[in-house]
Protein backbone atom coordinates (compact mmCIF):
# COMPACT_ATOMS: atom_id res chain seq x y z
CA MET A 1 135.48 51.00 42.02
CA ILE A 2 133.24 53.76 41.10
CA ASP A 3 134.26 57.07 42.75
CA LEU A 4 131.69 59.38 44.21
CA THR A 5 132.91 62.06 41.83
CA GLU A 6 132.10 59.67 38.84
CA ILE A 7 128.48 59.45 39.56
CA ASP A 8 126.92 61.81 37.44
CA VAL A 9 123.08 62.72 38.37
CA ASP A 10 120.77 63.93 35.89
CA GLU A 11 119.34 66.97 37.98
CA ALA A 12 117.06 68.14 35.39
CA GLY A 13 115.72 64.97 34.61
CA VAL A 14 114.81 63.88 38.34
CA ILE A 15 113.23 67.31 38.90
CA ALA A 16 111.15 67.01 35.54
CA PHE A 17 110.06 63.38 36.34
CA THR A 18 108.98 64.31 39.80
CA ARG A 19 106.77 67.14 38.57
CA ALA A 20 105.32 64.85 36.04
CA LEU A 21 104.48 62.29 38.76
CA VAL A 22 103.05 65.08 41.00
CA ARG A 23 100.76 66.22 38.00
CA ILE A 24 99.12 62.64 38.17
CA PRO A 25 96.31 62.51 40.54
CA SER A 26 97.26 59.03 41.81
CA VAL A 27 94.57 59.08 44.46
CA ASN A 28 92.75 55.61 45.06
CA ASP A 29 89.35 56.70 44.15
CA PRO A 30 87.91 54.53 41.30
CA ALA A 31 84.58 55.96 41.52
CA HIS A 32 85.99 58.97 40.38
CA GLY A 33 88.28 57.34 37.82
CA ARG A 34 91.50 57.96 39.78
CA SER A 35 94.16 55.24 40.91
CA GLU A 36 97.92 54.56 40.72
CA GLN A 37 97.59 53.34 37.30
CA PRO A 38 98.81 56.28 35.40
CA ALA A 39 101.64 57.03 37.74
CA ALA A 40 102.77 53.48 37.68
CA ALA A 41 102.52 53.40 33.88
CA LEU A 42 104.87 56.53 33.76
CA VAL A 43 107.22 54.86 36.22
CA ALA A 44 107.35 51.72 33.77
CA GLU A 45 107.74 53.99 30.80
CA THR A 46 110.66 55.84 32.33
CA MET A 47 112.38 52.63 33.23
CA ARG A 48 112.09 51.22 29.78
CA GLY A 49 113.78 54.28 28.55
CA PHE A 50 116.62 53.48 30.50
CA GLY A 51 116.74 50.05 28.93
CA TRP A 52 115.27 48.22 32.09
CA GLN A 53 112.71 45.62 32.06
CA PRO A 54 110.16 46.51 34.61
CA GLU A 55 107.85 43.54 35.74
CA ILE A 56 104.13 44.86 36.16
CA THR A 57 101.78 42.85 38.59
CA GLU A 58 98.41 43.72 39.76
CA PRO A 59 97.85 43.13 43.66
CA ALA A 60 94.46 44.21 42.75
CA PRO A 61 92.84 45.16 39.51
CA GLY A 62 94.05 48.51 38.31
CA ARG A 63 96.57 48.81 41.06
CA PRO A 64 99.94 47.64 39.79
CA ASN A 65 103.28 47.26 41.20
CA VAL A 66 106.37 47.97 39.21
CA VAL A 67 109.74 46.39 39.88
CA ALA A 68 112.81 46.57 38.05
CA VAL A 69 115.92 44.42 38.44
CA ILE A 70 119.07 46.17 37.53
CA ASP A 71 122.12 43.72 37.39
CA GLY A 72 125.43 45.92 37.91
CA GLY A 73 127.47 43.66 35.57
CA GLY A 74 130.17 43.26 38.01
CA GLY A 75 129.58 39.89 39.03
CA PRO A 76 127.95 38.26 42.31
CA GLY A 77 127.18 40.36 45.00
CA PRO A 78 124.25 41.47 47.44
CA VAL A 79 120.88 42.54 46.44
CA LEU A 80 119.82 46.02 47.58
CA MET A 81 116.12 47.26 47.15
CA PHE A 82 114.79 50.83 46.75
CA GLU A 83 111.24 51.10 47.48
CA GLY A 84 108.48 53.59 47.01
CA HIS A 85 104.73 54.01 46.46
CA THR A 86 102.74 55.59 43.68
CA ASP A 87 99.55 56.43 45.60
CA VAL A 88 98.74 59.65 47.30
CA VAL A 89 96.06 60.53 49.55
CA THR A 90 93.18 62.70 48.48
CA GLU A 91 94.05 66.64 48.01
CA GLY A 92 91.05 67.43 50.38
CA THR A 93 89.31 70.95 50.19
CA LEU A 94 90.85 72.78 47.28
CA ALA A 95 90.31 76.10 49.13
CA GLU A 96 92.93 75.15 51.46
CA TRP A 97 95.50 75.17 48.90
CA SER A 98 97.35 78.11 47.65
CA HIS A 99 98.88 76.10 44.74
CA ASP A 100 97.15 73.54 42.22
CA PRO A 101 97.60 70.25 44.15
CA PHE A 102 98.38 68.56 40.88
CA GLY A 103 100.13 71.13 39.09
CA GLY A 104 103.79 70.57 40.01
CA GLU A 105 104.62 74.23 40.55
CA ILE A 106 107.94 75.50 41.65
CA VAL A 107 107.93 78.44 43.51
CA ASP A 108 111.01 79.91 45.31
CA GLY A 109 112.78 76.53 44.98
CA ARG A 110 109.96 74.34 46.28
CA LEU A 111 108.02 72.01 44.26
CA TYR A 112 104.44 72.05 45.43
CA GLY A 113 101.51 69.41 45.02
CA ARG A 114 100.08 66.38 46.55
CA GLY A 115 102.53 63.70 46.65
CA ALA A 116 105.51 66.12 46.20
CA ALA A 117 107.17 64.75 49.50
CA ASP A 118 104.95 61.77 50.17
CA MET A 119 106.48 60.28 48.20
CA LYS A 120 106.82 61.02 44.56
CA SER A 121 110.13 62.92 44.97
CA GLY A 122 111.41 59.82 46.59
CA VAL A 123 110.22 57.57 43.95
CA ALA A 124 111.99 59.81 41.34
CA ALA A 125 115.15 60.12 43.27
CA MET A 126 115.46 56.13 43.82
CA ILE A 127 114.95 55.61 40.07
CA PHE A 128 117.38 58.41 38.76
CA GLY A 129 119.93 57.52 41.58
CA VAL A 130 120.13 53.83 40.39
CA ARG A 131 120.56 55.18 36.82
CA ALA A 132 123.37 57.28 37.84
CA LEU A 133 125.09 54.44 39.42
CA GLN A 134 124.56 52.22 36.52
CA LEU A 135 125.84 54.69 34.01
CA ALA A 136 128.81 55.22 36.25
CA GLY A 137 130.14 51.71 35.52
CA PRO A 138 129.99 48.09 36.54
CA PHE A 139 129.13 47.36 40.14
CA PRO A 140 128.58 43.81 41.90
CA GLY A 141 125.29 42.64 42.64
CA LYS A 142 121.74 43.65 41.90
CA ILE A 143 119.34 46.58 42.80
CA LYS A 144 115.62 46.15 42.87
CA VAL A 145 113.96 49.34 42.14
CA CYS A 146 110.19 48.96 43.35
CA ALA A 147 107.40 51.46 43.04
CA LEU A 148 104.37 49.67 44.90
CA ALA A 149 100.64 50.25 45.11
CA ASP A 150 98.33 51.08 48.22
CA GLU A 151 100.94 52.16 50.85
CA GLU A 152 98.50 54.67 51.97
CA GLY A 153 95.73 51.81 52.34
CA MET A 154 96.10 48.38 53.49
CA MET A 155 99.46 48.13 51.87
CA ILE A 156 98.22 45.33 49.48
CA GLY A 157 101.42 46.15 47.11
CA VAL A 158 104.14 45.20 49.45
CA HIS A 159 102.23 42.24 50.76
CA HIS A 160 101.90 40.95 47.11
CA PHE A 161 105.54 41.84 46.70
CA VAL A 162 106.66 39.61 49.51
CA ASP A 163 103.88 36.92 49.25
CA SER A 164 105.00 36.53 45.42
CA GLY A 165 108.50 35.68 46.25
CA GLN A 166 110.14 38.94 44.84
CA ALA A 167 111.48 39.89 48.45
CA ALA A 168 113.21 36.61 48.95
CA ASP A 169 116.70 37.52 47.85
CA VAL A 170 116.84 41.14 49.07
CA ASP A 171 119.55 41.75 51.54
CA GLY A 172 118.34 45.20 52.59
CA ALA A 173 116.18 47.97 51.74
CA ILE A 174 116.03 51.67 51.64
CA VAL A 175 112.58 52.93 51.83
CA CYS A 176 112.35 56.42 50.30
CA GLU A 177 109.79 58.14 52.35
CA PRO A 178 110.15 61.81 53.48
CA GLU A 179 112.34 62.08 56.59
CA ALA A 180 114.05 65.60 56.09
CA GLU A 181 117.77 64.80 56.90
CA GLU A 182 117.13 62.05 59.28
CA LEU A 183 118.12 58.48 58.79
CA CYS A 184 115.12 56.17 60.30
CA PRO A 185 116.18 52.37 60.84
CA SER A 186 113.27 52.45 63.46
CA SER A 187 109.51 52.72 62.93
CA LYS A 188 106.68 52.46 65.35
CA GLY A 189 104.14 49.49 65.03
CA ALA A 190 100.49 50.04 64.39
CA ILE A 191 97.31 48.17 65.65
CA ARG A 192 93.94 49.30 64.59
CA LEU A 193 91.22 48.02 66.88
CA GLN A 194 87.63 48.11 66.55
CA VAL A 195 85.19 47.31 69.39
CA GLU A 196 81.41 46.72 69.00
CA PHE A 197 79.36 46.79 72.11
CA ASP A 198 75.75 45.43 71.62
CA GLY A 199 73.14 46.88 73.96
CA THR A 200 69.43 46.98 73.93
CA MET A 201 67.56 50.18 72.30
CA ALA A 202 65.12 52.05 74.65
CA HIS A 203 63.66 55.62 75.18
CA GLY A 204 66.16 58.02 76.53
CA ALA A 205 63.46 58.89 79.04
CA MET A 206 63.42 55.25 80.31
CA PRO A 207 66.99 54.25 80.39
CA GLU A 208 66.13 51.31 82.79
CA GLN A 209 64.32 49.74 80.01
CA GLY A 210 67.52 49.35 77.95
CA ARG A 211 71.14 48.67 78.07
CA ASN A 212 73.39 51.41 76.74
CA PRO A 213 76.49 50.53 74.82
CA LEU A 214 77.60 54.06 74.78
CA ILE A 215 78.37 54.11 78.51
CA THR A 216 80.40 50.87 78.03
CA ALA A 217 82.25 52.41 75.36
CA ALA A 218 83.32 55.31 77.46
CA GLU A 219 84.33 53.11 80.25
CA PHE A 220 86.49 51.24 77.52
CA VAL A 221 87.92 54.68 76.47
CA ARG A 222 88.87 55.36 80.11
CA GLY A 223 90.50 52.05 80.45
CA LEU A 224 92.81 52.70 77.47
CA THR A 225 94.57 55.59 79.51
CA ASP A 226 95.47 52.90 82.06
CA VAL A 227 96.89 50.67 79.72
CA GLN A 228 98.77 53.58 78.00
CA ASP A 229 100.29 54.83 81.25
CA ALA A 230 101.70 51.36 81.92
CA LEU A 231 103.20 51.02 78.46
CA GLN A 232 104.97 54.39 78.80
CA VAL A 233 106.56 52.91 81.90
CA ASP A 234 107.32 49.46 80.68
CA PRO A 235 108.90 49.29 77.96
CA GLY A 236 109.02 53.00 78.30
CA ALA A 237 110.24 55.48 75.65
CA HIS A 238 112.64 54.35 72.74
CA PRO A 239 115.43 56.71 71.92
CA GLN A 240 114.15 57.62 68.39
CA LEU A 241 110.41 56.95 68.49
CA GLY A 242 109.35 58.19 71.97
CA THR A 243 106.43 56.30 73.83
CA SER A 244 103.39 54.16 72.93
CA TYR A 245 100.15 55.47 72.18
CA LEU A 246 96.56 54.27 72.40
CA THR A 247 94.43 56.94 70.76
CA PRO A 248 90.65 56.36 70.39
CA THR A 249 89.75 57.89 67.06
CA VAL A 250 86.13 56.97 66.44
CA ILE A 251 82.77 56.42 68.36
CA ILE A 252 79.84 55.75 66.45
CA GLY A 253 76.41 55.26 68.34
CA GLY A 254 73.03 56.77 67.99
CA ASP A 255 71.49 59.31 65.70
CA LEU A 256 71.47 63.29 66.22
CA ASP A 257 67.99 63.14 64.56
CA GLN A 258 66.92 60.72 67.42
CA ILE A 259 68.50 62.06 70.49
CA ASN A 260 65.77 60.69 72.65
CA VAL A 261 66.75 56.96 71.69
CA ILE A 262 69.28 54.83 73.35
CA PRO A 263 71.25 53.06 70.39
CA ALA A 264 71.55 49.27 70.13
CA ARG A 265 75.15 49.38 69.39
CA ALA A 266 78.20 51.57 69.83
CA THR A 267 81.30 51.18 67.72
CA LEU A 268 84.70 52.31 68.78
CA ALA A 269 87.92 52.40 66.96
CA VAL A 270 91.37 52.94 68.45
CA ASP A 271 94.87 53.80 66.59
CA ILE A 272 97.59 52.10 68.49
CA ARG A 273 100.97 52.93 67.97
CA THR A 274 103.70 50.83 69.76
CA VAL A 275 107.52 51.04 70.20
CA PRO A 276 110.08 48.22 70.29
CA GLY A 277 109.60 46.06 73.38
CA VAL A 278 105.84 46.13 73.14
CA ASP A 279 104.32 42.38 72.83
CA HIS A 280 101.25 42.95 70.25
CA ARG A 281 99.83 39.71 71.29
CA ARG A 282 99.92 40.32 74.77
CA LEU A 283 98.51 44.07 74.38
CA ILE A 284 95.64 42.73 72.10
CA GLU A 285 94.73 40.03 74.83
CA ARG A 286 94.73 42.71 77.37
CA LEU A 287 92.45 44.95 75.51
CA THR A 288 90.11 42.11 74.61
CA GLY A 289 89.91 41.21 78.11
CA LEU A 290 89.01 44.83 79.14
CA ALA A 291 86.31 44.98 76.47
CA ASP A 292 84.93 41.39 77.44
CA GLN A 293 84.85 42.38 81.17
CA LEU A 294 83.18 45.77 80.68
CA GLY A 295 80.84 44.39 78.14
CA ALA A 296 79.85 41.53 80.64
CA LYS A 297 79.19 43.72 83.76
CA ALA A 298 76.87 46.03 81.51
CA GLU A 299 75.54 43.36 79.69
CA THR A 300 76.51 44.90 76.49
CA PRO A 301 78.49 41.90 74.60
CA ALA A 302 81.91 43.03 73.09
CA LYS A 303 83.22 42.03 69.82
CA ILE A 304 86.72 43.13 68.83
CA THR A 305 88.35 43.06 65.25
CA ILE A 306 92.09 43.95 64.45
CA PRO A 307 92.11 45.09 60.71
CA VAL A 308 95.70 45.85 61.09
CA ASP A 309 98.72 44.49 63.27
CA ARG A 310 102.05 45.76 62.19
CA PRO A 311 104.80 45.31 64.55
CA PRO A 312 107.45 47.94 65.30
CA VAL A 313 110.95 47.93 63.32
CA ASP A 314 114.30 48.32 64.81
CA THR A 315 117.11 47.84 62.52
CA PRO A 316 120.45 47.82 64.23
CA LEU A 317 122.54 51.05 63.39
CA ASP A 318 125.53 48.64 62.45
CA ASP A 319 123.41 46.75 59.77
CA PRO A 320 125.14 47.00 56.48
CA VAL A 321 122.23 48.89 54.79
CA VAL A 322 122.18 51.35 57.56
CA LEU A 323 126.01 51.86 57.56
CA ALA A 324 126.13 52.32 53.85
CA LEU A 325 123.48 54.96 53.86
CA ALA A 326 124.92 56.96 56.75
CA ALA A 327 128.32 56.93 55.13
CA ALA A 328 126.66 58.11 51.78
CA HIS A 329 124.79 60.92 53.66
CA THR A 330 128.09 62.04 55.20
CA ALA A 331 129.91 61.98 51.93
CA VAL A 332 127.37 63.96 49.88
CA THR A 333 126.15 66.33 52.45
CA GLY A 334 129.45 66.88 54.62
CA ALA A 335 127.21 66.26 57.67
CA GLU A 336 127.12 63.48 60.24
CA PRO A 337 123.96 61.38 60.15
CA VAL A 338 121.09 62.20 62.31
CA TYR A 339 119.17 59.04 63.57
CA GLY A 340 115.44 59.39 63.69
CA GLY A 341 112.25 57.12 63.90
CA VAL A 342 109.10 56.90 61.67
CA PRO A 343 106.17 57.82 63.90
CA GLY A 344 103.84 55.73 61.64
CA THR A 345 104.45 52.74 59.44
CA THR A 346 105.93 52.26 55.88
CA ASP A 347 105.95 49.65 53.47
CA GLY A 348 109.32 48.95 55.05
CA THR A 349 107.52 47.53 58.20
CA ILE A 350 106.15 44.96 55.99
CA LEU A 351 109.32 44.04 54.40
CA THR A 352 111.01 43.66 57.77
CA ALA A 353 108.17 41.94 59.51
CA LYS A 354 107.18 39.34 56.68
CA ALA A 355 110.22 39.04 54.84
CA GLY A 356 113.06 39.73 57.51
CA ILE A 357 114.69 42.27 55.53
CA PRO A 358 116.64 44.97 57.21
CA THR A 359 115.17 48.34 56.41
CA VAL A 360 115.88 52.05 56.83
CA VAL A 361 113.77 55.03 56.03
CA TYR A 362 115.50 58.06 54.36
CA GLY A 363 114.01 60.41 51.67
CA PRO A 364 113.38 64.02 50.39
CA GLY A 365 110.81 66.15 51.97
CA GLY A 366 109.93 67.21 55.32
CA LYS A 367 109.21 64.78 58.02
CA TRP A 368 105.82 66.36 59.10
CA ILE A 369 104.52 67.63 55.70
CA ALA A 370 103.02 64.49 54.40
CA HIS A 371 98.95 64.75 53.83
CA GLN A 372 98.98 68.57 54.49
CA ALA A 373 97.56 71.28 52.07
CA ASP A 374 100.44 73.04 50.19
CA GLU A 375 102.57 70.02 50.55
CA TYR A 376 106.00 70.66 49.10
CA VAL A 377 109.48 69.53 48.79
CA GLU A 378 112.73 71.54 48.29
CA VAL A 379 113.92 70.94 44.77
CA ALA A 380 117.66 70.89 46.07
CA ASP A 381 116.55 68.05 48.47
CA ILE A 382 115.51 66.12 45.55
CA VAL A 383 118.82 66.38 43.92
CA ARG A 384 120.69 65.81 47.12
CA LYS A 385 118.68 62.57 47.93
CA THR A 386 119.41 61.29 44.40
CA ARG A 387 123.08 61.56 45.08
CA VAL A 388 122.86 59.92 48.41
CA TYR A 389 120.78 56.86 46.93
CA ALA A 390 123.41 56.62 44.36
CA GLU A 391 126.40 56.61 46.51
CA ALA A 392 124.59 54.47 49.28
CA ALA A 393 123.98 51.92 46.56
CA ARG A 394 127.65 51.90 45.47
CA ARG A 395 128.86 51.30 49.18
CA PHE A 396 126.30 48.58 50.11
CA LEU A 397 127.12 46.76 47.07
CA THR A 398 130.77 47.06 46.95
CA ALA A 399 130.80 46.08 50.66
CA ARG A 400 134.38 47.41 51.67
CA PRO A 401 134.78 47.97 55.30
CA SER A 402 136.27 51.31 54.37
CA ASP A 403 133.23 52.34 52.72
CA SER A 404 130.74 51.77 55.66
CA ALA A 405 132.77 53.23 58.25
């Protein structure tokens, strides 16, 4: 079996590749000629340089998934998946940045840029970690290295990956999102809910002639607090994820240029984050019932839509992929693993929910740095996580009890 000391990571290569990825503005913004495609092309080119044969598919035009399957050459064994995404969120206002968001600058040991942490360093580390293991010698089983599209949007990349059957043989997945030094086998669920209340337009001086949907929307927001309070009691707090939240994020109604007009419609959006133990179906039924009740009372009929419904993830700590990653973390860093939870959702949520794959989230970069100006990742952390990925893969694929203790 390959020994940890025999896995030689290309430190300069993984850092240079991360910088090259960061310099590509892979924001999904086709109106301005920007997409994941150039970043996916660089990933595929690098894989081919390793002798891999990446398969490229398009969940949507110009939005590629890149998947390479590496056979260890050591006979039958499990299939491990490493997963990352190539899209990034917008850089926002340039004046808020101290560094070029697409410069890939390294200053005082930190690599700056949009996507440096979320999650181009994770994509680089998984690719170079698997390459290091491959060069160290044969191993049983296979590794799927997956750089997918649209994680920051509707996650069409991972949905396509699952729906096309590419996930069918995967036994465990490491999602390489930034979580500092935490291993995160649990992730909050997400529901995005939209409610439209239809009223009747009228003059603001004569409210009795109309039906004001904004008042109904306000009542619904107040009702959200009661539902949230109940969920924070039952099922209560999760050890890594904390409690569930129902957060109103958008209320649209009326026109600031027409303050004297009662609008005909009010639209409300809610970002719901749940912990294991929350039944999404029952929660949606409760909120639908609340909206219908308030709408009927005020004669402002309600219409609810659910554009996103992603259940929470709670992979057991004794699952082989978690054990292998925990042991690798200790072997490389000398520290015992700290278990945490993902406050949002990742592509791993879909891998678990739709394909039944045990997932754990772990990668370079700070846990709270994503989507901020002056986003950065510690260069040393990129190298460290590359080593951990290589060792986690070795332990998972060789599957000796002593390796995952």
